């Protein structure tokens, strides 16, 4: 009986341990990022929202919207976010190529002065679901977008 109790306690404790962050499988290569280092005349105008199963719209109001160059390294990060996988902290050099802004009350956002190229744009949209036990639900909305110098592109972030 004592051994059974000890086994049960070990199982309960091991269930509380979270898994370690997944290491990056793709190495950071700054050469991939260099075309995105400066400024340009491109622009992204967008709106971030998700629809519930019942058809309600949940906007990314006040949420951070992230813009990164579309590289193998950033694709791995975005894929992990979409799959809700915790990854190791990105290479510190990555930060200088990551741009962020905040969506307004209707989920609208804008990025200006972008060099031409391929980008990934994403926003985590979550809300509380009431009832007997309140819980948080939502998802990571993202898209890929190409920018040409001097042009504005309109996008929708949803799933």
N, C-alpha and C. Protein backbone atom coordinates (compact mmCIF):
# COMPACT_ATOMS: atom_id res chain seq x y z
N UNK A 1 0.82 -1.19 0.00
CA UNK A 1 0.00 0.00 0.00
C UNK A 1 0.87 1.26 0.00
N UNK A 2 1.94 1.23 0.78
CA UNK A 2 2.84 2.38 0.87
C UNK A 2 3.51 2.64 -0.50
N UNK A 3 3.92 1.56 -1.19
CA UNK A 3 4.54 1.72 -2.50
C UNK A 3 3.55 2.29 -3.51
N UNK A 4 2.31 1.88 -3.43
CA UNK A 4 1.27 2.40 -4.31
C UNK A 4 1.05 3.89 -4.08
N UNK A 5 1.05 4.32 -2.83
CA UNK A 5 0.88 5.73 -2.49
C UNK A 5 2.06 6.55 -3.02
N UNK A 6 3.27 6.05 -2.87
CA UNK A 6 4.45 6.75 -3.37
C UNK A 6 4.40 6.86 -4.89
N UNK A 7 4.00 5.80 -5.57
CA UNK A 7 3.87 5.82 -7.02
C UNK A 7 2.84 6.85 -7.46
N UNK A 8 1.71 6.90 -6.75
CA UNK A 8 0.66 7.86 -7.07
C UNK A 8 1.17 9.30 -6.90
N UNK A 9 1.88 9.59 -5.83
CA UNK A 9 2.42 10.93 -5.59
C UNK A 9 3.41 11.30 -6.69
N UNK A 10 4.26 10.37 -7.08
CA UNK A 10 5.23 10.63 -8.16
C UNK A 10 4.52 10.95 -9.47
N UNK A 11 3.46 10.23 -9.78
CA UNK A 11 2.72 10.49 -11.00
C UNK A 11 2.06 11.86 -10.98
N UNK A 12 1.51 12.24 -9.83
CA UNK A 12 0.88 13.56 -9.71
C UNK A 12 1.92 14.66 -9.88
N UNK A 13 3.06 14.52 -9.22
CA UNK A 13 4.11 15.53 -9.31
C UNK A 13 4.65 15.61 -10.73
N UNK A 14 4.86 14.49 -11.39
CA UNK A 14 5.40 14.52 -12.76
C UNK A 14 4.41 15.15 -13.72
N UNK A 15 3.13 15.07 -13.44
CA UNK A 15 2.12 15.71 -14.28
C UNK A 15 2.15 17.22 -14.17
N UNK A 16 2.73 17.74 -13.10
CA UNK A 16 2.81 19.18 -12.89
C UNK A 16 4.04 19.80 -13.55
N UNK A 17 4.98 18.98 -13.93
CA UNK A 17 6.21 19.48 -14.54
C UNK A 17 5.93 19.82 -16.00
N UNK A 18 6.32 21.04 -16.40
CA UNK A 18 6.11 21.43 -17.79
C UNK A 18 7.28 20.97 -18.63
N UNK A 19 7.03 20.77 -19.91
CA UNK A 19 8.10 20.32 -20.78
C UNK A 19 9.07 21.47 -21.06
N UNK A 20 10.28 21.12 -21.37
CA UNK A 20 11.31 22.12 -21.67
C UNK A 20 11.01 22.75 -23.02
N UNK A 21 11.40 24.02 -23.19
CA UNK A 21 11.21 24.65 -24.50
C UNK A 21 11.94 23.89 -25.60
N UNK A 22 11.31 23.84 -26.76
CA UNK A 22 11.91 23.15 -27.90
C UNK A 22 13.06 23.98 -28.45
N UNK A 23 14.20 23.35 -28.73
CA UNK A 23 15.32 24.11 -29.31
C UNK A 23 15.02 24.47 -30.77
N UNK A 24 15.67 25.50 -31.25
CA UNK A 24 15.53 25.88 -32.65
C UNK A 24 16.21 24.83 -33.53
N UNK A 25 15.53 24.40 -34.55
CA UNK A 25 16.09 23.44 -35.50
C UNK A 25 16.79 24.17 -36.64
N UNK A 26 16.38 25.43 -36.85
CA UNK A 26 16.97 26.25 -37.91
C UNK A 26 17.89 27.27 -37.25
N UNK A 27 19.11 27.37 -37.72
CA UNK A 27 20.06 28.32 -37.15
C UNK A 27 19.77 29.73 -37.67
N UNK A 28 20.02 30.72 -36.81
CA UNK A 28 19.88 32.12 -37.21
C UNK A 28 21.00 32.45 -38.20
N UNK A 29 20.62 32.97 -39.37
CA UNK A 29 21.60 33.36 -40.38
C UNK A 29 21.34 34.82 -40.72
N UNK A 30 22.21 35.71 -40.23
CA UNK A 30 21.98 37.14 -40.40
C UNK A 30 21.95 37.56 -41.87
N UNK A 31 22.58 36.81 -42.74
CA UNK A 31 22.55 37.12 -44.18
C UNK A 31 21.11 37.15 -44.69
N UNK A 32 20.25 36.26 -44.17
CA UNK A 32 18.85 36.23 -44.57
C UNK A 32 18.11 37.50 -44.18
N UNK A 33 18.57 38.16 -43.13
CA UNK A 33 17.88 39.32 -42.57
C UNK A 33 18.37 40.66 -43.10
N UNK A 34 19.57 40.70 -43.64
CA UNK A 34 20.18 41.97 -44.04
C UNK A 34 19.35 42.83 -44.98
N UNK A 35 18.63 42.27 -45.96
CA UNK A 35 17.80 43.13 -46.83
C UNK A 35 16.70 43.88 -46.07
N UNK A 36 16.39 43.46 -44.84
CA UNK A 36 15.31 44.06 -44.06
C UNK A 36 15.82 45.04 -43.00
N UNK A 37 17.13 45.30 -42.99
CA UNK A 37 17.74 46.10 -41.93
C UNK A 37 17.39 47.58 -42.02
N UNK A 38 17.24 48.11 -43.20
CA UNK A 38 17.01 49.54 -43.34
C UNK A 38 15.54 49.90 -43.39
N UNK A 39 15.28 51.06 -43.96
CA UNK A 39 13.91 51.49 -44.15
C UNK A 39 13.61 51.53 -45.64
N UNK A 40 12.35 51.59 -45.94
CA UNK A 40 11.90 51.68 -47.32
C UNK A 40 10.66 52.53 -47.39
N UNK A 41 9.89 52.36 -48.44
CA UNK A 41 8.68 53.15 -48.59
C UNK A 41 7.43 52.26 -48.68
N UNK A 42 7.58 50.99 -48.33
CA UNK A 42 6.44 50.09 -48.34
C UNK A 42 5.60 50.24 -47.08
N UNK A 43 4.36 49.76 -47.16
CA UNK A 43 3.42 49.92 -46.05
C UNK A 43 2.49 48.72 -45.99
N UNK A 44 2.17 48.29 -44.77
CA UNK A 44 1.16 47.25 -44.55
C UNK A 44 0.06 47.86 -43.69
N UNK A 45 -1.17 47.74 -44.17
CA UNK A 45 -2.35 48.18 -43.43
C UNK A 45 -3.19 46.93 -43.22
N UNK A 46 -3.60 46.66 -41.98
CA UNK A 46 -4.34 45.43 -41.76
C UNK A 46 -5.31 45.47 -40.60
N UNK A 47 -6.00 44.35 -40.45
CA UNK A 47 -6.94 44.15 -39.36
C UNK A 47 -6.78 42.72 -38.85
N UNK A 48 -6.73 42.58 -37.51
CA UNK A 48 -6.58 41.27 -36.87
C UNK A 48 -7.86 40.90 -36.15
N UNK A 49 -8.41 39.74 -36.50
CA UNK A 49 -9.62 39.25 -35.81
C UNK A 49 -9.78 37.75 -36.01
N UNK A 50 -10.57 37.16 -35.15
CA UNK A 50 -10.97 35.76 -35.27
C UNK A 50 -12.48 35.70 -35.15
N UNK A 51 -13.07 34.66 -35.73
CA UNK A 51 -14.51 34.43 -35.57
C UNK A 51 -14.71 33.22 -34.67
N UNK A 52 -15.65 33.34 -33.74
CA UNK A 52 -15.97 32.21 -32.88
C UNK A 52 -16.83 31.22 -33.64
N UNK A 53 -17.03 30.05 -33.07
CA UNK A 53 -17.89 29.05 -33.73
C UNK A 53 -19.30 29.58 -33.90
N UNK A 54 -19.71 30.46 -32.98
CA UNK A 54 -21.05 31.04 -33.06
C UNK A 54 -21.15 32.21 -34.02
N UNK A 55 -20.02 32.60 -34.64
CA UNK A 55 -20.03 33.68 -35.61
C UNK A 55 -19.67 35.05 -35.06
N UNK A 56 -19.43 35.15 -33.74
CA UNK A 56 -19.01 36.43 -33.16
C UNK A 56 -17.60 36.76 -33.62
N UNK A 57 -17.31 38.04 -33.79
CA UNK A 57 -15.99 38.49 -34.19
C UNK A 57 -15.25 38.97 -32.95
N UNK A 58 -14.03 38.49 -32.77
CA UNK A 58 -13.16 38.89 -31.66
C UNK A 58 -11.95 39.59 -32.28
N UNK A 59 -11.85 40.88 -32.04
CA UNK A 59 -10.78 41.69 -32.62
C UNK A 59 -9.50 41.59 -31.78
N UNK A 60 -8.39 41.84 -32.43
CA UNK A 60 -7.10 41.90 -31.74
C UNK A 60 -6.90 43.24 -31.06
N UNK A 61 -7.95 43.79 -30.49
CA UNK A 61 -7.95 45.12 -29.89
C UNK A 61 -6.89 45.25 -28.81
N UNK A 62 -5.96 46.18 -29.00
CA UNK A 62 -4.92 46.44 -28.02
C UNK A 62 -3.80 45.42 -28.00
N UNK A 63 -3.88 44.41 -28.84
CA UNK A 63 -2.86 43.37 -28.86
C UNK A 63 -1.66 43.77 -29.72
N UNK A 64 -0.53 43.16 -29.39
CA UNK A 64 0.67 43.41 -30.17
C UNK A 64 0.58 42.67 -31.51
N UNK A 65 0.93 43.37 -32.57
CA UNK A 65 1.03 42.78 -33.90
C UNK A 65 2.51 42.75 -34.25
N UNK A 66 2.99 41.61 -34.69
CA UNK A 66 4.41 41.41 -34.96
C UNK A 66 4.65 41.28 -36.46
N UNK A 67 5.74 41.90 -36.92
CA UNK A 67 6.15 41.82 -38.32
C UNK A 67 7.61 41.39 -38.34
N UNK A 68 7.90 40.30 -39.07
CA UNK A 68 9.27 39.81 -39.19
C UNK A 68 9.54 39.43 -40.64
N UNK A 69 10.81 39.52 -41.06
CA UNK A 69 11.15 39.04 -42.40
C UNK A 69 10.81 37.55 -42.52
N UNK A 70 10.36 37.14 -43.68
CA UNK A 70 10.05 35.73 -43.91
C UNK A 70 11.35 35.00 -44.26
N UNK A 71 11.94 34.37 -43.26
CA UNK A 71 13.16 33.59 -43.43
C UNK A 71 12.91 32.20 -42.87
N UNK A 72 13.77 31.23 -43.13
CA UNK A 72 13.59 29.91 -42.52
C UNK A 72 13.55 30.00 -40.98
N UNK A 73 14.35 30.89 -40.40
CA UNK A 73 14.40 31.03 -38.94
C UNK A 73 13.07 31.56 -38.39
N UNK A 74 12.53 32.62 -39.01
CA UNK A 74 11.28 33.19 -38.51
C UNK A 74 10.08 32.29 -38.83
N UNK A 75 10.13 31.56 -39.93
CA UNK A 75 9.05 30.62 -40.24
C UNK A 75 8.92 29.56 -39.16
N UNK A 76 10.06 29.10 -38.65
CA UNK A 76 10.04 28.11 -37.57
C UNK A 76 9.40 28.71 -36.32
N UNK A 77 9.71 29.96 -36.00
CA UNK A 77 9.14 30.61 -34.82
C UNK A 77 7.64 30.78 -34.97
N UNK A 78 7.18 31.26 -36.12
CA UNK A 78 5.75 31.47 -36.35
C UNK A 78 5.00 30.14 -36.32
N UNK A 79 5.55 29.11 -36.96
CA UNK A 79 4.90 27.80 -36.94
C UNK A 79 4.74 27.29 -35.52
N UNK A 80 5.74 27.51 -34.67
CA UNK A 80 5.64 27.10 -33.27
C UNK A 80 4.55 27.88 -32.55
N UNK A 81 4.44 29.18 -32.82
CA UNK A 81 3.39 30.00 -32.20
C UNK A 81 2.00 29.52 -32.60
N UNK A 82 1.85 29.23 -33.90
CA UNK A 82 0.56 28.75 -34.40
C UNK A 82 0.20 27.41 -33.74
N UNK A 83 1.19 26.54 -33.57
CA UNK A 83 0.96 25.23 -32.96
C UNK A 83 0.99 25.27 -31.44
N UNK A 84 1.17 26.48 -30.87
CA UNK A 84 1.21 26.67 -29.42
C UNK A 84 2.34 25.86 -28.77
N UNK A 85 3.49 25.85 -29.43
CA UNK A 85 4.68 25.14 -28.94
C UNK A 85 5.64 26.16 -28.34
N UNK A 86 6.08 25.93 -27.14
CA UNK A 86 7.05 26.81 -26.48
C UNK A 86 8.43 26.53 -27.05
N UNK A 87 9.09 27.60 -27.55
CA UNK A 87 10.44 27.45 -28.12
C UNK A 87 11.45 28.15 -27.23
N UNK A 88 12.70 27.76 -27.39
CA UNK A 88 13.78 28.46 -26.70
C UNK A 88 13.79 29.92 -27.12
N UNK A 89 14.38 30.75 -26.30
CA UNK A 89 14.48 32.18 -26.60
C UNK A 89 15.22 32.35 -27.94
N UNK A 90 14.68 33.22 -28.81
CA UNK A 90 15.36 33.43 -30.10
C UNK A 90 16.74 34.06 -29.93
N UNK A 91 17.56 33.90 -30.93
CA UNK A 91 18.87 34.53 -30.98
C UNK A 91 18.68 36.04 -30.76
N UNK A 92 19.54 36.65 -29.95
CA UNK A 92 19.36 38.07 -29.61
C UNK A 92 19.45 38.99 -30.83
N UNK A 93 20.16 38.56 -31.87
CA UNK A 93 20.27 39.37 -33.09
C UNK A 93 18.93 39.49 -33.82
N UNK A 94 18.04 38.56 -33.59
CA UNK A 94 16.71 38.54 -34.22
C UNK A 94 15.89 39.78 -33.84
N UNK A 95 16.07 40.27 -32.61
CA UNK A 95 15.26 41.39 -32.10
C UNK A 95 15.31 42.63 -32.98
N UNK A 96 16.46 42.92 -33.56
CA UNK A 96 16.55 44.16 -34.34
C UNK A 96 15.81 44.09 -35.67
N UNK A 97 15.35 42.92 -36.07
CA UNK A 97 14.61 42.76 -37.32
C UNK A 97 13.11 42.56 -37.08
N UNK A 98 12.73 42.48 -35.81
CA UNK A 98 11.34 42.26 -35.41
C UNK A 98 10.69 43.62 -35.14
N UNK A 99 9.60 43.90 -35.84
CA UNK A 99 8.87 45.16 -35.63
C UNK A 99 7.53 44.83 -34.99
N UNK A 100 7.07 45.72 -34.13
CA UNK A 100 5.77 45.51 -33.49
C UNK A 100 4.98 46.82 -33.48
N UNK A 101 3.68 46.66 -33.39
CA UNK A 101 2.76 47.77 -33.20
C UNK A 101 1.57 47.25 -32.41
N UNK A 102 0.67 48.11 -32.00
CA UNK A 102 -0.54 47.71 -31.29
C UNK A 102 -1.76 47.93 -32.18
N UNK A 103 -2.66 46.96 -32.16
CA UNK A 103 -3.92 47.09 -32.90
C UNK A 103 -4.85 48.03 -32.13
N UNK A 104 -5.67 48.76 -32.86
CA UNK A 104 -6.65 49.64 -32.20
C UNK A 104 -7.86 48.82 -31.75
N UNK A 105 -8.91 49.48 -31.31
CA UNK A 105 -10.09 48.81 -30.77
C UNK A 105 -10.80 47.88 -31.74
N UNK A 106 -10.62 48.08 -33.04
CA UNK A 106 -11.23 47.21 -34.05
C UNK A 106 -10.20 46.28 -34.68
N UNK A 107 -9.02 46.18 -34.06
CA UNK A 107 -7.99 45.28 -34.57
C UNK A 107 -7.19 45.84 -35.73
N UNK A 108 -7.36 47.12 -36.05
CA UNK A 108 -6.63 47.74 -37.16
C UNK A 108 -5.19 48.07 -36.74
N UNK A 109 -4.27 47.94 -37.69
CA UNK A 109 -2.87 48.23 -37.42
C UNK A 109 -2.19 48.67 -38.71
N UNK A 110 -0.97 49.20 -38.56
CA UNK A 110 -0.24 49.69 -39.72
C UNK A 110 1.26 49.61 -39.46
N UNK A 111 2.00 49.22 -40.48
CA UNK A 111 3.47 49.25 -40.46
C UNK A 111 3.91 50.12 -41.63
N UNK A 112 4.81 51.07 -41.37
CA UNK A 112 5.29 52.00 -42.39
C UNK A 112 6.79 51.87 -42.59
N UNK A 113 7.27 52.47 -43.68
CA UNK A 113 8.70 52.56 -43.98
C UNK A 113 9.38 51.19 -44.09
N UNK A 114 8.72 50.29 -44.79
CA UNK A 114 9.24 48.93 -44.94
C UNK A 114 10.03 48.76 -46.23
N UNK A 115 11.20 48.11 -46.15
CA UNK A 115 11.89 47.74 -47.38
C UNK A 115 11.11 46.64 -48.10
N UNK A 116 11.29 46.55 -49.40
CA UNK A 116 10.56 45.50 -50.11
C UNK A 116 11.08 44.12 -49.70
N UNK A 117 10.20 43.14 -49.79
CA UNK A 117 10.54 41.79 -49.40
C UNK A 117 9.34 41.00 -48.93
N UNK A 118 9.61 39.80 -48.43
CA UNK A 118 8.57 38.90 -47.91
C UNK A 118 8.55 38.99 -46.39
N UNK A 119 7.36 39.14 -45.82
CA UNK A 119 7.21 39.28 -44.37
C UNK A 119 6.19 38.28 -43.83
N UNK A 120 6.29 38.04 -42.53
CA UNK A 120 5.28 37.31 -41.77
C UNK A 120 4.69 38.30 -40.78
N UNK A 121 3.36 38.37 -40.73
CA UNK A 121 2.67 39.27 -39.82
C UNK A 121 1.78 38.41 -38.95
N UNK A 122 1.81 38.63 -37.61
CA UNK A 122 1.01 37.81 -36.72
C UNK A 122 0.53 38.54 -35.49
N UNK A 123 -0.55 38.02 -34.90
CA UNK A 123 -1.14 38.60 -33.70
C UNK A 123 -1.82 37.48 -32.91
N UNK A 124 -1.54 37.43 -31.62
CA UNK A 124 -2.20 36.47 -30.74
C UNK A 124 -3.52 37.09 -30.28
N UNK A 125 -4.63 36.43 -30.57
CA UNK A 125 -5.95 36.95 -30.21
C UNK A 125 -6.61 35.96 -29.25
N UNK A 126 -6.89 36.42 -28.04
CA UNK A 126 -7.50 35.57 -27.02
C UNK A 126 -8.63 36.31 -26.33
N UNK A 127 -9.57 35.54 -25.79
CA UNK A 127 -10.67 36.12 -25.02
C UNK A 127 -11.12 35.09 -24.00
N UNK A 128 -11.85 35.57 -23.00
CA UNK A 128 -12.36 34.69 -21.95
C UNK A 128 -13.73 34.16 -22.34
N UNK A 129 -13.95 32.90 -22.02
CA UNK A 129 -15.24 32.27 -22.23
C UNK A 129 -15.81 32.01 -20.84
N UNK A 130 -16.98 32.56 -20.56
CA UNK A 130 -17.59 32.44 -19.23
C UNK A 130 -18.27 31.11 -19.01
N UNK A 131 -19.06 31.09 -17.98
CA UNK A 131 -19.74 29.86 -17.60
C UNK A 131 -19.35 29.49 -16.19
N UNK A 132 -19.56 28.25 -15.86
CA UNK A 132 -19.22 27.78 -14.52
C UNK A 132 -17.72 27.94 -14.25
N UNK A 133 -16.90 27.62 -15.25
CA UNK A 133 -15.45 27.76 -15.13
C UNK A 133 -14.96 28.64 -16.28
N UNK A 134 -14.49 29.83 -15.95
CA UNK A 134 -13.98 30.74 -16.97
C UNK A 134 -12.67 30.19 -17.53
N UNK A 135 -12.53 30.27 -18.85
CA UNK A 135 -11.28 29.83 -19.48
C UNK A 135 -10.94 30.80 -20.61
N UNK A 136 -9.69 30.76 -21.02
CA UNK A 136 -9.22 31.61 -22.11
C UNK A 136 -9.12 30.76 -23.37
N UNK A 137 -9.57 31.33 -24.47
CA UNK A 137 -9.49 30.65 -25.75
C UNK A 137 -9.03 31.64 -26.81
N UNK A 138 -8.74 31.17 -27.98
CA UNK A 138 -8.29 32.03 -29.07
C UNK A 138 -7.24 31.31 -29.89
N UNK A 139 -6.47 32.07 -30.67
CA UNK A 139 -5.46 31.47 -31.53
C UNK A 139 -4.49 32.56 -32.01
N UNK A 140 -3.44 32.11 -32.67
CA UNK A 140 -2.47 33.00 -33.27
C UNK A 140 -2.86 33.17 -34.74
N UNK A 141 -3.20 34.38 -35.12
CA UNK A 141 -3.58 34.68 -36.50
C UNK A 141 -2.36 35.26 -37.21
N UNK A 142 -2.09 34.78 -38.41
CA UNK A 142 -0.93 35.30 -39.15
C UNK A 142 -1.13 35.13 -40.65
N UNK A 143 -0.28 35.83 -41.38
CA UNK A 143 -0.26 35.68 -42.84
C UNK A 143 1.13 36.06 -43.35
N UNK A 144 1.40 35.64 -44.57
CA UNK A 144 2.62 36.04 -45.28
C UNK A 144 2.23 37.14 -46.26
N UNK A 145 3.14 38.10 -46.44
CA UNK A 145 2.83 39.21 -47.33
C UNK A 145 4.10 39.67 -48.04
N UNK A 146 3.95 40.04 -49.31
CA UNK A 146 5.06 40.60 -50.10
C UNK A 146 4.86 42.11 -50.22
N UNK A 147 5.94 42.82 -50.03
CA UNK A 147 5.91 44.29 -50.10
C UNK A 147 6.83 44.74 -51.22
N UNK A 148 6.35 45.68 -52.02
CA UNK A 148 7.18 46.33 -53.02
C UNK A 148 7.38 47.76 -52.59
N UNK A 149 8.57 48.27 -52.80
CA UNK A 149 8.90 49.64 -52.41
C UNK A 149 7.88 50.61 -52.98
N UNK A 150 7.40 51.50 -52.12
CA UNK A 150 6.45 52.53 -52.55
C UNK A 150 5.01 52.10 -52.61
N UNK A 151 4.69 50.86 -52.25
CA UNK A 151 3.32 50.38 -52.32
C UNK A 151 2.77 50.06 -50.93
N UNK A 152 1.45 50.19 -50.82
CA UNK A 152 0.74 49.82 -49.60
C UNK A 152 -0.05 48.54 -49.87
N UNK A 153 0.02 47.61 -48.93
CA UNK A 153 -0.70 46.34 -49.06
C UNK A 153 -1.69 46.23 -47.91
N UNK A 154 -2.93 45.87 -48.22
CA UNK A 154 -3.95 45.66 -47.19
C UNK A 154 -4.07 44.18 -46.93
N UNK A 155 -4.09 43.81 -45.63
CA UNK A 155 -4.18 42.40 -45.26
C UNK A 155 -5.20 42.19 -44.14
N UNK A 156 -5.62 40.95 -44.00
CA UNK A 156 -6.48 40.52 -42.91
C UNK A 156 -5.73 39.41 -42.17
N UNK A 157 -5.61 39.55 -40.84
CA UNK A 157 -5.03 38.49 -40.02
C UNK A 157 -6.17 37.72 -39.37
N UNK A 158 -6.33 36.48 -39.74
CA UNK A 158 -7.35 35.62 -39.17
C UNK A 158 -6.91 34.19 -39.37
N UNK A 159 -7.76 33.26 -39.04
CA UNK A 159 -7.45 31.85 -39.25
C UNK A 159 -8.52 31.18 -40.02
